[in-house]
Amino acid sequence: MAEVYMQIEMERFIELKRAEEENIKLREANEKLTADLFQRIDYNGQIAKQNADLMSENRRLREALEFYAKNSNYLIEWSDKCDEYMPSVADNDGGEIARQALGGEAN
């Protein structure tokens, strides 16, 4: 009877040891996956910020393009006050809207 009990206890011990080893492997895998997840979350945050920055830049550039593409901004008008033609809004701008849209990069 003692032998049967010892055999059962030995089998339980072996099974517990196997379960402990599996638990260690699962914990290590979980740690790696968690680290990978945090890296991906950080990367996604960086990409989201870049995307927002690019969308903002795109909006600024589009607004500048729309200004220069608008035909009415090139109309010249006669000024009775000065007795001469006045430069168009676009000519008078001298590219300032474009420089502002580019963040002051163009001169």
PDB file of N, CA and C in Angstrom:
ATOM      1  N   MET A   1       0.811  -1.191   0.000  1.00  0.00           N
ATOM      2  CA  MET A   1       0.000   0.000   0.000  1.00  0.00           C
ATOM      3  C   MET A   1       0.855   1.255   0.000  1.00  0.00           C
ATOM      4  N   ALA A   2       1.949   1.215   0.741  1.00  0.00           N
ATOM      5  CA  ALA A   2       2.853   2.354   0.796  1.00  0.00           C
ATOM      6  C   ALA A   2       3.509   2.578  -0.557  1.00  0.00           C
ATOM      7  N   GLU A   3       3.759   1.461  -1.262  1.00  0.00           N
ATOM      8  CA  GLU A   3       4.364   1.593  -2.580  1.00  0.00           C
ATOM      9  C   GLU A   3       3.416   2.280  -3.547  1.00  0.00           C
ATOM     10  N   VAL A   4       2.156   1.959  -3.520  1.00  0.00           N
ATOM     11  CA  VAL A   4       1.149   2.575  -4.394  1.00  0.00           C
ATOM     12  C   VAL A   4       1.044   4.056  -4.069  1.00  0.00           C
ATOM     13  N   TYR A   5       1.001   4.376  -2.788  1.00  0.00           N
ATOM     14  CA  TYR A   5       0.936   5.775  -2.361  1.00  0.00           C
ATOM     15  C   TYR A   5       2.168   6.531  -2.848  1.00  0.00           C
ATOM     16  N   MET A   6       3.341   5.945  -2.710  1.00  0.00           N
ATOM     17  CA  MET A   6       4.583   6.584  -3.146  1.00  0.00           C
ATOM     18  C   MET A   6       4.580   6.777  -4.673  1.00  0.00           C
ATOM     19  N   GLN A   7       4.054   5.786  -5.386  1.00  0.00           N
ATOM     20  CA  GLN A   7       3.979   5.881  -6.846  1.00  0.00           C
ATOM     21  C   GLN A   7       3.051   7.033  -7.250  1.00  0.00           C
ATOM     22  N   ILE A   8       1.895   7.135  -6.602  1.00  0.00           N
ATOM     23  CA  ILE A   8       0.945   8.215  -6.893  1.00  0.00           C
ATOM     24  C   ILE A   8       1.567   9.575  -6.578  1.00  0.00           C
ATOM     25  N   GLU A   9       2.242   9.679  -5.451  1.00  0.00           N
ATOM     26  CA  GLU A   9       2.894  10.935  -5.060  1.00  0.00           C
ATOM     27  C   GLU A   9       3.998  11.304  -6.049  1.00  0.00           C
ATOM     28  N   MET A  10       4.729  10.304  -6.514  1.00  0.00           N
ATOM     29  CA  MET A  10       5.796  10.560  -7.483  1.00  0.00           C
ATOM     30  C   MET A  10       5.203  11.060  -8.796  1.00  0.00           C
ATOM     31  N   GLU A  11       4.117  10.464  -9.246  1.00  0.00           N
ATOM     32  CA  GLU A  11       3.453  10.898 -10.477  1.00  0.00           C
ATOM     33  C   GLU A  11       2.912  12.319 -10.333  1.00  0.00           C
ATOM     34  N   ARG A  12       2.340  12.619  -9.165  1.00  0.00           N
ATOM     35  CA  ARG A  12       1.845  13.988  -8.904  1.00  0.00           C
ATOM     36  C   ARG A  12       2.998  14.983  -8.916  1.00  0.00           C
ATOM     37  N   PHE A  13       4.134  14.586  -8.304  1.00  0.00           N
ATOM     38  CA  PHE A  13       5.303  15.456  -8.257  1.00  0.00           C
ATOM     39  C   PHE A  13       5.816  15.738  -9.680  1.00  0.00           C
ATOM     40  N   ILE A  14       5.882  14.677 -10.493  1.00  0.00           N
ATOM     41  CA  ILE A  14       6.349  14.830 -11.874  1.00  0.00           C
ATOM     42  C   ILE A  14       5.395  15.742 -12.652  1.00  0.00           C
ATOM     43  N   GLU A  15       4.105  15.532 -12.470  1.00  0.00           N
ATOM     44  CA  GLU A  15       3.108  16.364 -13.155  1.00  0.00           C
ATOM     45  C   GLU A  15       3.200  17.814 -12.704  1.00  0.00           C
ATOM     46  N   LEU A  16       3.374  18.054 -11.422  1.00  0.00           N
ATOM     47  CA  LEU A  16       3.527  19.423 -10.908  1.00  0.00           C
ATOM     48  C   LEU A  16       4.794  20.069 -11.460  1.00  0.00           C
ATOM     49  N   LYS A  17       5.865  19.305 -11.540  1.00  0.00           N
ATOM     50  CA  LYS A  17       7.135  19.812 -12.078  1.00  0.00           C
ATOM     51  C   LYS A  17       6.955  20.199 -13.550  1.00  0.00           C
ATOM     52  N   ARG A  18       6.267  19.366 -14.321  1.00  0.00           N
ATOM     53  CA  ARG A  18       6.000  19.664 -15.722  1.00  0.00           C
ATOM     54  C   ARG A  18       5.140  20.924 -15.860  1.00  0.00           C
ATOM     55  N   ALA A  19       4.136  21.025 -15.005  1.00  0.00           N
ATOM     56  CA  ALA A  19       3.259  22.197 -15.035  1.00  0.00           C
ATOM     57  C   ALA A  19       4.034  23.464 -14.661  1.00  0.00           C
ATOM     58  N   GLU A  20       4.938  23.353 -13.716  1.00  0.00           N
ATOM     59  CA  GLU A  20       5.761  24.504 -13.308  1.00  0.00           C
ATOM     60  C   GLU A  20       6.665  24.949 -14.457  1.00  0.00           C
ATOM     61  N   GLU A  21       7.267  23.989 -15.162  1.00  0.00           N
ATOM     62  CA  GLU A  21       8.128  24.313 -16.293  1.00  0.00           C
ATOM     63  C   GLU A  21       7.320  24.981 -17.409  1.00  0.00           C
ATOM     64  N   GLU A  22       6.132  24.451 -17.646  1.00  0.00           N
ATOM     65  CA  GLU A  22       5.255  25.046 -18.666  1.00  0.00           C
ATOM     66  C   GLU A  22       4.848  26.461 -18.251  1.00  0.00           C
ATOM     67  N   ASN A  23       4.565  26.642 -16.985  1.00  0.00           N
ATOM     68  CA  ASN A  23       4.203  27.960 -16.463  1.00  0.00           C
ATOM     69  C   ASN A  23       5.344  28.957 -16.667  1.00  0.00           C
ATOM     70  N   ILE A  24       6.570  28.537 -16.432  1.00  0.00           N
ATOM     71  CA  ILE A  24       7.741  29.396 -16.624  1.00  0.00           C
ATOM     72  C   ILE A  24       7.859  29.788 -18.098  1.00  0.00           C
ATOM     73  N   LYS A  25       7.694  28.817 -18.999  1.00  0.00           N
ATOM     74  CA  LYS A  25       7.761  29.099 -20.429  1.00  0.00           C
ATOM     75  C   LYS A  25       6.666  30.089 -20.838  1.00  0.00           C
ATOM     76  N   LEU A  26       5.458  29.867 -20.317  1.00  0.00           N
ATOM     77  CA  LEU A  26       4.352  30.769 -20.646  1.00  0.00           C
ATOM     78  C   LEU A  26       4.594  32.178 -20.108  1.00  0.00           C
ATOM     79  N   ARG A  27       5.147  32.279 -18.907  1.00  0.00           N
ATOM     80  CA  ARG A  27       5.473  33.588 -18.334  1.00  0.00           C
ATOM     81  C   ARG A  27       6.504  34.326 -19.189  1.00  0.00           C
ATOM     82  N   GLU A  28       7.545  33.606 -19.617  1.00  0.00           N
ATOM     83  CA  GLU A  28       8.573  34.210 -20.461  1.00  0.00           C
ATOM     84  C   GLU A  28       7.989  34.666 -21.795  1.00  0.00           C
ATOM     85  N   ALA A  29       7.141  33.827 -22.385  1.00  0.00           N
ATOM     86  CA  ALA A  29       6.499  34.200 -23.643  1.00  0.00           C
ATOM     87  C   ALA A  29       5.602  35.423 -23.442  1.00  0.00           C
ATOM     88  N   ASN A  30       4.895  35.467 -22.324  1.00  0.00           N
ATOM     89  CA  ASN A  30       4.029  36.596 -22.018  1.00  0.00           C
ATOM     90  C   ASN A  30       4.841  37.885 -21.871  1.00  0.00           C
ATOM     91  N   GLU A  31       5.991  37.794 -21.215  1.00  0.00           N
ATOM     92  CA  GLU A  31       6.851  38.973 -21.051  1.00  0.00           C
ATOM     93  C   GLU A  31       7.336  39.487 -22.406  1.00  0.00           C
ATOM     94  N   LYS A  32       7.728  38.570 -23.292  1.00  0.00           N
ATOM     95  CA  LYS A  32       8.177  38.972 -24.628  1.00  0.00           C
ATOM     96  C   LYS A  32       7.034  39.614 -25.416  1.00  0.00           C
ATOM     97  N   LEU A  33       5.865  38.995 -25.346  1.00  0.00           N
ATOM     98  CA  LEU A  33       4.715  39.531 -26.066  1.00  0.00           C
ATOM     99  C   LEU A  33       4.288  40.897 -25.510  1.00  0.00           C
ATOM    100  N   THR A  34       4.364  41.051 -24.202  1.00  0.00           N
ATOM    101  CA  THR A  34       4.013  42.333 -23.586  1.00  0.00           C
ATOM    102  C   THR A  34       4.993  43.416 -24.016  1.00  0.00           C
ATOM    103  N   ALA A  35       6.290  43.100 -24.025  1.00  0.00           N
ATOM    104  CA  ALA A  35       7.299  44.071 -24.472  1.00  0.00           C
ATOM    105  C   ALA A  35       7.053  44.443 -25.932  1.00  0.00           C
ATOM    106  N   ASP A  36       6.753  43.443 -26.757  1.00  0.00           N
ATOM    107  CA  ASP A  36       6.469  43.694 -28.170  1.00  0.00           C
ATOM    108  C   ASP A  36       5.229  44.571 -28.327  1.00  0.00           C
ATOM    109  N   LEU A  37       4.207  44.294 -27.532  1.00  0.00           N
ATOM    110  CA  LEU A  37       2.977  45.081 -27.584  1.00  0.00           C
ATOM    111  C   LEU A  37       3.259  46.542 -27.240  1.00  0.00           C
ATOM    112  N   PHE A  38       4.033  46.783 -26.190  1.00  0.00           N
ATOM    113  CA  PHE A  38       4.345  48.161 -25.809  1.00  0.00           C
ATOM    114  C   PHE A  38       5.165  48.866 -26.896  1.00  0.00           C
ATOM    115  N   GLN A  39       6.060  48.146 -27.550  1.00  0.00           N
ATOM    116  CA  GLN A  39       6.816  48.739 -28.655  1.00  0.00           C
ATOM    117  C   GLN A  39       5.881  49.115 -29.796  1.00  0.00           C
ATOM    118  N   ARG A  40       4.939  48.251 -30.090  1.00  0.00           N
ATOM    119  CA  ARG A  40       3.983  48.527 -31.175  1.00  0.00           C
ATOM    120  C   ARG A  40       3.065  49.688 -30.823  1.00  0.00           C
ATOM    121  N   ILE A  41       2.649  49.765 -29.569  1.00  0.00           N
ATOM    122  CA  ILE A  41       1.815  50.883 -29.136  1.00  0.00           C
ATOM    123  C   ILE A  41       2.584  52.186 -29.279  1.00  0.00           C
ATOM    124  N   ASP A  42       3.849  52.186 -28.867  1.00  0.00           N
ATOM    125  CA  ASP A  42       4.685  53.382 -28.991  1.00  0.00           C
ATOM    126  C   ASP A  42       4.851  53.758 -30.460  1.00  0.00           C
ATOM    127  N   TYR A  43       5.128  52.769 -31.294  1.00  0.00           N
ATOM    128  CA  TYR A  43       5.301  53.015 -32.728  1.00  0.00           C
ATOM    129  C   TYR A  43       4.015  53.568 -33.332  1.00  0.00           C
ATOM    130  N   ASN A  44       2.877  52.980 -32.972  1.00  0.00           N
ATOM    131  CA  ASN A  44       1.594  53.463 -33.483  1.00  0.00           C
ATOM    132  C   ASN A  44       1.350  54.906 -33.057  1.00  0.00           C
ATOM    133  N   GLY A  45       1.744  55.253 -31.836  1.00  0.00           N
ATOM    134  CA  GLY A  45       1.607  56.633 -31.376  1.00  0.00           C
ATOM    135  C   GLY A  45       2.463  57.576 -32.199  1.00  0.00           C
ATOM    136  N   GLN A  46       3.682  57.146 -32.529  1.00  0.00           N
ATOM    137  CA  GLN A  46       4.568  57.971 -33.351  1.00  0.00           C
ATOM    138  C   GLN A  46       3.980  58.154 -34.751  1.00  0.00           C
ATOM    139  N   ILE A  47       3.464  57.083 -35.306  1.00  0.00           N
ATOM    140  CA  ILE A  47       2.860  57.152 -36.642  1.00  0.00           C
ATOM    141  C   ILE A  47       1.624  58.052 -36.615  1.00  0.00           C
ATOM    142  N   ALA A  48       0.818  57.955 -35.573  1.00  0.00           N
ATOM    143  CA  ALA A  48      -0.373  58.802 -35.469  1.00  0.00           C
ATOM    144  C   ALA A  48       0.020  60.272 -35.403  1.00  0.00           C
ATOM    145  N   LYS A  49       1.092  60.596 -34.656  1.00  0.00           N
ATOM    146  CA  LYS A  49       1.545  61.986 -34.574  1.00  0.00           C
ATOM    147  C   LYS A  49       2.069  62.456 -35.925  1.00  0.00           C
ATOM    148  N   GLN A  50       2.856  61.624 -36.594  1.00  0.00           N
ATOM    149  CA  GLN A  50       3.352  61.987 -37.926  1.00  0.00           C
ATOM    150  C   GLN A  50       2.191  62.219 -38.883  1.00  0.00           C
ATOM    151  N   ASN A  51       1.180  61.366 -38.799  1.00  0.00           N
ATOM    152  CA  ASN A  51       0.012  61.494 -39.657  1.00  0.00           C
ATOM    153  C   ASN A  51      -0.703  62.823 -39.385  1.00  0.00           C
ATOM    154  N   ALA A  52      -0.890  63.165 -38.118  1.00  0.00           N
ATOM    155  CA  ALA A  52      -1.550  64.423 -37.765  1.00  0.00           C
ATOM    156  C   ALA A  52      -0.730  65.618 -38.256  1.00  0.00           C
ATOM    157  N   ASP A  53       0.590  65.541 -38.096  1.00  0.00           N
ATOM    158  CA  ASP A  53       1.466  66.622 -38.566  1.00  0.00           C
ATOM    159  C   ASP A  53       1.377  66.773 -40.082  1.00  0.00           C
ATOM    160  N   LEU A  54       1.379  65.653 -40.798  1.00  0.00           N
ATOM    161  CA  LEU A  54       1.293  65.704 -42.256  1.00  0.00           C
ATOM    162  C   LEU A  54      -0.055  66.225 -42.726  1.00  0.00           C
ATOM    163  N   MET A  55      -1.110  65.851 -42.020  1.00  0.00           N
ATOM    164  CA  MET A  55      -2.437  66.357 -42.381  1.00  0.00           C
ATOM    165  C   MET A  55      -2.503  67.871 -42.175  1.00  0.00           C
ATOM    166  N   SER A  56      -1.905  68.349 -41.102  1.00  0.00           N
ATOM    167  CA  SER A  56      -1.873  69.787 -40.840  1.00  0.00           C
ATOM    168  C   SER A  56      -1.067  70.512 -41.920  1.00  0.00           C
ATOM    169  N   GLU A  57       0.087  69.952 -42.268  1.00  0.00           N
ATOM    170  CA  GLU A  57       0.906  70.558 -43.318  1.00  0.00           C
ATOM    171  C   GLU A  57       0.158  70.549 -44.646  1.00  0.00           C
ATOM    172  N   ASN A  58      -0.499  69.452 -44.947  1.00  0.00           N
ATOM    173  CA  ASN A  58      -1.276  69.340 -46.179  1.00  0.00           C
ATOM    174  C   ASN A  58      -2.367  70.410 -46.232  1.00  0.00           C
ATOM    175  N   ARG A  59      -3.039  70.642 -45.105  1.00  0.00           N
ATOM    176  CA  ARG A  59      -4.097  71.659 -45.052  1.00  0.00           C
ATOM    177  C   ARG A  59      -3.518  73.049 -45.334  1.00  0.00           C
ATOM    178  N   ARG A  60      -2.367  73.361 -44.688  1.00  0.00           N
ATOM    179  CA  ARG A  60      -1.731  74.676 -44.903  1.00  0.00           C
ATOM    180  C   ARG A  60      -1.337  74.866 -46.360  1.00  0.00           C
ATOM    181  N   LEU A  61      -0.716  73.841 -46.943  1.00  0.00           N
ATOM    182  CA  LEU A  61      -0.267  73.937 -48.331  1.00  0.00           C
ATOM    183  C   LEU A  61      -1.447  74.035 -49.293  1.00  0.00           C
ATOM    184  N   ARG A  62      -2.501  73.284 -49.005  1.00  0.00           N
ATOM    185  CA  ARG A  62      -3.697  73.331 -49.850  1.00  0.00           C
ATOM    186  C   ARG A  62      -4.309  74.728 -49.830  1.00  0.00           C
ATOM    187  N   GLU A  63      -4.390  75.334 -48.642  1.00  0.00           N
ATOM    188  CA  GLU A  63      -4.955  76.684 -48.546  1.00  0.00           C
ATOM    189  C   GLU A  63      -4.128  77.682 -49.347  1.00  0.00           C
ATOM    190  N   ALA A  64      -2.799  77.543 -49.294  1.00  0.00           N
ATOM    191  CA  ALA A  64      -1.939  78.439 -50.075  1.00  0.00           C
ATOM    192  C   ALA A  64      -2.150  78.204 -51.572  1.00  0.00           C
ATOM    193  N   LEU A  65      -2.214  76.928 -51.974  1.00  0.00           N
ATOM    194  CA  LEU A  65      -2.452  76.628 -53.387  1.00  0.00           C
ATOM    195  C   LEU A  65      -3.790  77.182 -53.859  1.00  0.00           C
ATOM    196  N   GLU A  66      -4.799  77.051 -53.023  1.00  0.00           N
ATOM    197  CA  GLU A  66      -6.116  77.569 -53.395  1.00  0.00           C
ATOM    198  C   GLU A  66      -6.073  79.080 -53.590  1.00  0.00           C
ATOM    199  N   PHE A  67      -5.298  79.787 -52.756  1.00  0.00           N
ATOM    200  CA  PHE A  67      -5.158  81.238 -52.907  1.00  0.00           C
ATOM    201  C   PHE A  67      -4.551  81.563 -54.269  1.00  0.00           C
ATOM    202  N   TYR A  68      -3.447  80.887 -54.603  1.00  0.00           N
ATOM    203  CA  TYR A  68      -2.762  81.188 -55.865  1.00  0.00           C
ATOM    204  C   TYR A  68      -3.517  80.647 -57.081  1.00  0.00           C
ATOM    205  N   ALA A  69      -4.360  79.659 -56.900  1.00  0.00           N
ATOM    206  CA  ALA A  69      -5.138  79.106 -58.010  1.00  0.00           C
ATOM    207  C   ALA A  69      -6.400  79.912 -58.306  1.00  0.00           C
ATOM    208  N   LYS A  70      -6.794  80.756 -57.378  1.00  0.00           N
ATOM    209  CA  LYS A  70      -8.041  81.513 -57.534  1.00  0.00           C
ATOM    210  C   LYS A  70      -7.842  82.656 -58.534  1.00  0.00           C
ATOM    211  N   ASN A  71      -8.556  82.588 -59.652  1.00  0.00           N
ATOM    212  CA  ASN A  71      -8.403  83.587 -60.713  1.00  0.00           C
ATOM    213  C   ASN A  71      -8.653  85.011 -60.235  1.00  0.00           C
ATOM    214  N   SER A  72      -9.605  85.181 -59.372  1.00  0.00           N
ATOM    215  CA  SER A  72      -9.949  86.535 -58.935  1.00  0.00           C
ATOM    216  C   SER A  72      -8.805  87.210 -58.172  1.00  0.00           C
ATOM    217  N   ASN A  73      -7.861  86.429 -57.663  1.00  0.00           N
ATOM    218  CA  ASN A  73      -6.727  87.020 -56.957  1.00  0.00           C
ATOM    219  C   ASN A  73      -5.701  87.632 -57.910  1.00  0.00           C
ATOM    220  N   TYR A  74      -5.902  87.461 -59.225  1.00  0.00           N
ATOM    221  CA  TYR A  74      -4.981  88.022 -60.222  1.00  0.00           C
ATOM    222  C   TYR A  74      -5.600  89.199 -60.980  1.00  0.00           C
ATOM    223  N   LEU A  75      -6.802  89.574 -60.601  1.00  0.00           N
ATOM    224  CA  LEU A  75      -7.443  90.704 -61.271  1.00  0.00           C
ATOM    225  C   LEU A  75      -6.780  92.009 -60.839  1.00  0.00           C
ATOM    226  N   ILE A  76      -6.525  92.839 -61.823  1.00  0.00           N
ATOM    227  CA  ILE A  76      -5.993  94.163 -61.493  1.00  0.00           C
ATOM    228  C   ILE A  76      -7.151  95.151 -61.622  1.00  0.00           C
ATOM    229  N   GLU A  77      -7.132  96.137 -60.779  1.00  0.00           N
ATOM    230  CA  GLU A  77      -8.230  97.112 -60.768  1.00  0.00           C
ATOM    231  C   GLU A  77      -7.681  98.521 -60.954  1.00  0.00           C
ATOM    232  N   TRP A  78      -8.501  99.315 -61.585  1.00  0.00           N
ATOM    233  CA  TRP A  78      -8.159 100.722 -61.781  1.00  0.00           C
ATOM    234  C   TRP A  78      -8.504 101.492 -60.511  1.00  0.00           C
ATOM    235  N   SER A  79      -7.570 102.310 -60.089  1.00  0.00           N
ATOM    236  CA  SER A  79      -7.807 103.127 -58.907  1.00  0.00           C
ATOM    237  C   SER A  79      -7.961 104.576 -59.349  1.00  0.00           C
ATOM    238  N   ASP A  80      -9.158 105.086 -59.142  1.00  0.00           N
ATOM    239  CA  ASP A  80      -9.404 106.501 -59.462  1.00  0.00           C
ATOM    240  C   ASP A  80      -8.620 107.401 -58.520  1.00  0.00           C
ATOM    241  N   LYS A  81      -8.384 106.916 -57.336  1.00  0.00           N
ATOM    242  CA  LYS A  81      -7.665 107.694 -56.337  1.00  0.00           C
ATOM    243  C   LYS A  81      -6.220 107.951 -56.775  1.00  0.00           C
ATOM    244  N   CYS A  82      -5.573 106.913 -57.304  1.00  0.00           N
ATOM    245  CA  CYS A  82      -4.167 107.016 -57.723  1.00  0.00           C
ATOM    246  C   CYS A  82      -4.039 107.248 -59.225  1.00  0.00           C
ATOM    247  N   ASP A  83      -5.140 107.108 -59.945  1.00  0.00           N
ATOM    248  CA  ASP A  83      -5.163 107.240 -61.395  1.00  0.00           C
ATOM    249  C   ASP A  83      -4.196 106.248 -62.059  1.00  0.00           C
ATOM    250  N   GLU A  84      -4.234 104.989 -61.560  1.00  0.00           N
ATOM    251  CA  GLU A  84      -3.403 103.931 -62.130  1.00  0.00           C
ATOM    252  C   GLU A  84      -3.995 102.575 -61.764  1.00  0.00           C
ATOM    253  N   TYR A  85      -3.463 101.550 -62.433  1.00  0.00           N
ATOM    254  CA  TYR A  85      -3.886 100.194 -62.101  1.00  0.00           C
ATOM    255  C   TYR A  85      -3.190  99.748 -60.819  1.00  0.00           C
ATOM    256  N   MET A  86      -3.930  99.070 -59.960  1.00  0.00           N
ATOM    257  CA  MET A  86      -3.387  98.546 -58.699  1.00  0.00           C
ATOM    258  C   MET A  86      -2.981  97.087 -58.919  1.00  0.00           C
ATOM    259  N   PRO A  87      -1.890  96.661 -58.304  1.00  0.00           N
ATOM    260  CA  PRO A  87      -1.482  95.260 -58.473  1.00  0.00           C
ATOM    261  C   PRO A  87      -2.555  94.309 -57.929  1.00  0.00           C
ATOM    262  N   SER A  88      -2.562  93.118 -58.486  1.00  0.00           N
ATOM    263  CA  SER A  88      -3.532  92.116 -58.021  1.00  0.00           C
ATOM    264  C   SER A  88      -3.187  91.691 -56.592  1.00  0.00           C
ATOM    265  N   VAL A  89      -4.136  91.057 -55.952  1.00  0.00           N
ATOM    266  CA  VAL A  89      -3.916  90.554 -54.592  1.00  0.00           C
ATOM    267  C   VAL A  89      -2.744  89.583 -54.580  1.00  0.00           C
ATOM    268  N   ALA A  90      -2.669  88.717 -55.587  1.00  0.00           N
ATOM    269  CA  ALA A  90      -1.586  87.731 -55.652  1.00  0.00           C
ATOM    270  C   ALA A  90      -0.240  88.413 -55.895  1.00  0.00           C
ATOM    271  N   ASP A  91      -0.207  89.402 -56.790  1.00  0.00           N
ATOM    272  CA  ASP A  91       1.049  90.122 -57.039  1.00  0.00           C
ATOM    273  C   ASP A  91       1.471  90.902 -55.803  1.00  0.00           C
ATOM    274  N   ASN A  92       0.514  91.492 -55.147  1.00  0.00           N
ATOM    275  CA  ASN A  92       0.799  92.286 -53.946  1.00  0.00           C
ATOM    276  C   ASN A  92       1.294  91.405 -52.800  1.00  0.00           C
ATOM    277  N   ASP A  93       0.858  90.174 -52.797  1.00  0.00           N
ATOM    278  CA  ASP A  93       1.250  89.211 -51.759  1.00  0.00           C
ATOM    279  C   ASP A  93       2.749  88.904 -51.833  1.00  0.00           C
ATOM    280  N   GLY A  94       3.298  88.866 -52.999  1.00  0.00           N
ATOM    281  CA  GLY A  94       4.728  88.611 -53.171  1.00  0.00           C
ATOM    282  C   GLY A  94       5.174  87.247 -52.660  1.00  0.00           C
ATOM    283  N   GLY A  95       4.276  86.307 -52.609  1.00  0.00           N
ATOM    284  CA  GLY A  95       4.631  84.961 -52.155  1.00  0.00           C
ATOM    285  C   GLY A  95       4.568  84.755 -50.656  1.00  0.00           C
ATOM    286  N   GLU A  96       4.103  85.757 -49.918  1.00  0.00           N
ATOM    287  CA  GLU A  96       4.069  85.659 -48.451  1.00  0.00           C
ATOM    288  C   GLU A  96       3.215  84.482 -47.975  1.00  0.00           C
ATOM    289  N   ILE A  97       2.073  84.274 -48.608  1.00  0.00           N
ATOM    290  CA  ILE A  97       1.201  83.161 -48.205  1.00  0.00           C
ATOM    291  C   ILE A  97       1.922  81.834 -48.414  1.00  0.00           C
ATOM    292  N   ALA A  98       2.647  81.702 -49.498  1.00  0.00           N
ATOM    293  CA  ALA A  98       3.397  80.476 -49.770  1.00  0.00           C
ATOM    294  C   ALA A  98       4.486  80.287 -48.716  1.00  0.00           C
ATOM    295  N   ARG A  99       5.211  81.349 -48.376  1.00  0.00           N
ATOM    296  CA  ARG A  99       6.268  81.232 -47.365  1.00  0.00           C
ATOM    297  C   ARG A  99       5.690  80.843 -46.007  1.00  0.00           C
ATOM    298  N   GLN A 100       4.566  81.411 -45.667  1.00  0.00           N
ATOM    299  CA  GLN A 100       3.937  81.053 -44.387  1.00  0.00           C
ATOM    300  C   GLN A 100       3.494  79.592 -44.398  1.00  0.00           C
ATOM    301  N   ALA A 101       2.944  79.146 -45.518  1.00  0.00           N
ATOM    302  CA  ALA A 101       2.491  77.750 -45.625  1.00  0.00           C
ATOM    303  C   ALA A 101       3.669  76.791 -45.525  1.00  0.00           C
ATOM    304  N   LEU A 102       4.803  77.216 -46.046  1.00  0.00           N
ATOM    305  CA  LEU A 102       6.009  76.378 -45.991  1.00  0.00           C
ATOM    306  C   LEU A 102       6.754  76.535 -44.671  1.00  0.00           C
ATOM    307  N   GLY A 103       6.230  77.326 -43.802  1.00  0.00           N
ATOM    308  CA  GLY A 103       6.873  77.509 -42.500  1.00  0.00           C
ATOM    309  C   GLY A 103       8.069  78.437 -42.558  1.00  0.00           C
ATOM    310  N   GLY A 104       8.036  79.390 -43.498  1.00  0.00           N
ATOM    311  CA  GLY A 104       9.108  80.362 -43.589  1.00  0.00           C
ATOM    312  C   GLY A 104      10.343  79.833 -44.283  1.00  0.00           C
ATOM    313  N   GLU A 105      10.241  78.656 -44.941  1.00  0.00           N
ATOM    314  CA  GLU A 105      11.417  78.058 -45.575  1.00  0.00           C
ATOM    315  C   GLU A 105      11.816  78.753 -46.862  1.00  0.00           C
ATOM    316  N   ALA A 106      10.847  79.244 -47.623  1.00  0.00           N
ATOM    317  CA  ALA A 106      11.162  79.868 -48.898  1.00  0.00           C
ATOM    318  C   ALA A 106      11.485  81.341 -48.694  1.00  0.00           C
ATOM    319  N   ASN A 107      12.407  81.854 -49.495  1.00  0.00           N
ATOM    320  CA  ASN A 107      12.761  83.286 -49.438  1.00  0.00           C
ATOM    321  C   ASN A 107      12.584  83.917 -50.787  1.00  0.00           C
TER     322      ASN A 107
END
